[in-house]
Amino acid sequence: MMSSDPNDLTPSYIIDMFISDCLLPSTQNAQQAAHVYKVFEAYCESIQVGVPCGLKVFGKYMKKRFQRKVVNGRAMYFLEYRHGLFDAED
């Protein structure tokens, strides 16, 4: 449930909500960082909040929460989307 206090809607709070609602850690499934950020943008739109940060800030936060690896020059996070909410091929 989203907080009714606008002061609570910091970037880290919104990213935490996104992670809790949409992501699960994985040891085998990797998603491109840029795709995860696009999913985050869609999530923000769906809960009617502005995207609180750019890809760089989002990436710094995600590195703290998920295993990250660079594959063929692309940053990848080892995670799964909850309940198949998002298709990695979008």
Protein backbone atom coordinates (compact mmCIF):
# COMPACT_ATOMS: atom_id res chain seq x y z
CA MET A 1 0.00 0.00 0.00
CA MET A 2 1.32 3.41 -0.95
CA SER A 3 1.91 6.01 1.74
CA SER A 4 -0.45 8.96 1.72
CA ASP A 5 2.33 11.29 2.86
CA PRO A 6 4.02 12.84 -0.22
CA ASN A 7 7.19 13.31 1.84
CA ASP A 8 7.57 9.52 1.94
CA LEU A 9 7.81 9.28 -1.84
CA THR A 10 11.58 9.50 -2.02
CA PRO A 11 13.39 7.67 -4.83
CA SER A 12 14.52 4.92 -2.44
CA TYR A 13 10.96 4.49 -1.11
CA ILE A 14 9.52 4.14 -4.62
CA ILE A 15 12.31 1.76 -5.69
CA ASP A 16 11.69 -0.33 -2.55
CA MET A 17 7.98 -0.48 -3.44
CA PHE A 18 8.86 -1.54 -7.00
CA ILE A 19 11.20 -4.27 -5.76
CA SER A 20 8.67 -5.53 -3.23
CA ASP A 21 5.79 -5.52 -5.71
CA CYS A 22 7.57 -6.69 -8.86
CA LEU A 23 10.95 -8.39 -8.37
CA LEU A 24 12.44 -11.53 -6.88
CA PRO A 25 16.15 -12.37 -6.59
CA SER A 26 17.37 -15.14 -8.88
CA THR A 27 20.59 -17.08 -9.23
CA GLN A 28 19.94 -18.12 -12.83
CA ASN A 29 17.69 -15.58 -14.56
CA ALA A 30 19.32 -12.34 -15.64
CA GLN A 31 17.50 -9.27 -16.96
CA GLN A 32 19.07 -6.36 -18.80
CA ALA A 33 19.40 -3.33 -16.53
CA ALA A 34 17.90 -1.03 -19.17
CA HIS A 35 14.83 -3.28 -19.44
CA VAL A 36 14.39 -3.39 -15.67
CA TYR A 37 14.47 0.42 -15.66
CA LYS A 38 11.76 0.53 -18.38
CA VAL A 39 9.65 -1.78 -16.23
CA PHE A 40 10.29 0.58 -13.29
CA GLU A 41 9.09 3.53 -15.39
CA ALA A 42 5.90 1.62 -16.26
CA TYR A 43 5.43 0.73 -12.60
CA CYS A 44 5.72 4.40 -11.59
CA GLU A 45 3.11 5.30 -14.18
CA SER A 46 0.81 2.53 -12.96
CA ILE A 47 0.90 3.86 -9.37
CA GLN A 48 0.60 7.42 -10.63
CA VAL A 49 3.91 8.83 -9.44
CA GLY A 50 6.60 10.49 -11.47
CA VAL A 51 9.77 8.53 -12.16
CA PRO A 52 11.91 9.71 -9.23
CA CYS A 53 15.37 9.11 -10.69
CA GLY A 54 17.36 8.39 -13.80
CA LEU A 55 18.92 5.12 -14.86
CA LYS A 56 22.25 5.86 -13.15
CA VAL A 57 20.74 6.47 -9.68
CA PHE A 58 18.37 3.53 -10.16
CA GLY A 59 21.34 1.32 -11.06
CA LYS A 60 23.31 2.32 -7.98
CA TYR A 61 20.37 1.33 -5.79
CA MET A 62 19.72 -1.92 -7.65
CA LYS A 63 23.37 -2.99 -7.28
CA LYS A 64 22.86 -2.93 -3.53
CA ARG A 65 19.88 -5.28 -3.76
CA PHE A 66 20.63 -7.68 -6.62
CA GLN A 67 23.62 -9.49 -8.04
CA ARG A 68 24.87 -7.62 -11.10
CA LYS A 69 27.09 -8.77 -13.93
CA VAL A 70 28.21 -7.21 -17.20
CA VAL A 71 27.62 -9.54 -20.15
CA ASN A 72 28.70 -8.47 -23.64
CA GLY A 73 28.93 -4.88 -22.43
CA ARG A 74 25.41 -4.88 -20.96
CA ALA A 75 24.63 -4.67 -17.26
CA MET A 76 22.45 -7.54 -16.10
CA TYR A 77 20.64 -8.07 -12.80
CA PHE A 78 19.91 -11.55 -11.53
CA LEU A 79 16.20 -11.31 -10.83
CA GLU A 80 12.80 -12.51 -11.87
CA TYR A 81 9.61 -10.56 -12.34
CA ARG A 82 6.88 -11.58 -9.89
CA HIS A 83 3.95 -13.54 -11.27
CA GLY A 84 5.15 -13.10 -14.86
CA LEU A 85 3.98 -9.50 -14.77
CA PHE A 86 6.46 -8.40 -17.40
CA ASP A 87 7.91 -10.14 -20.39
CA ALA A 88 11.66 -9.57 -20.78
CA GLU A 89 11.17 -9.47 -24.56
CA ASP A 90 9.02 -6.30 -24.50
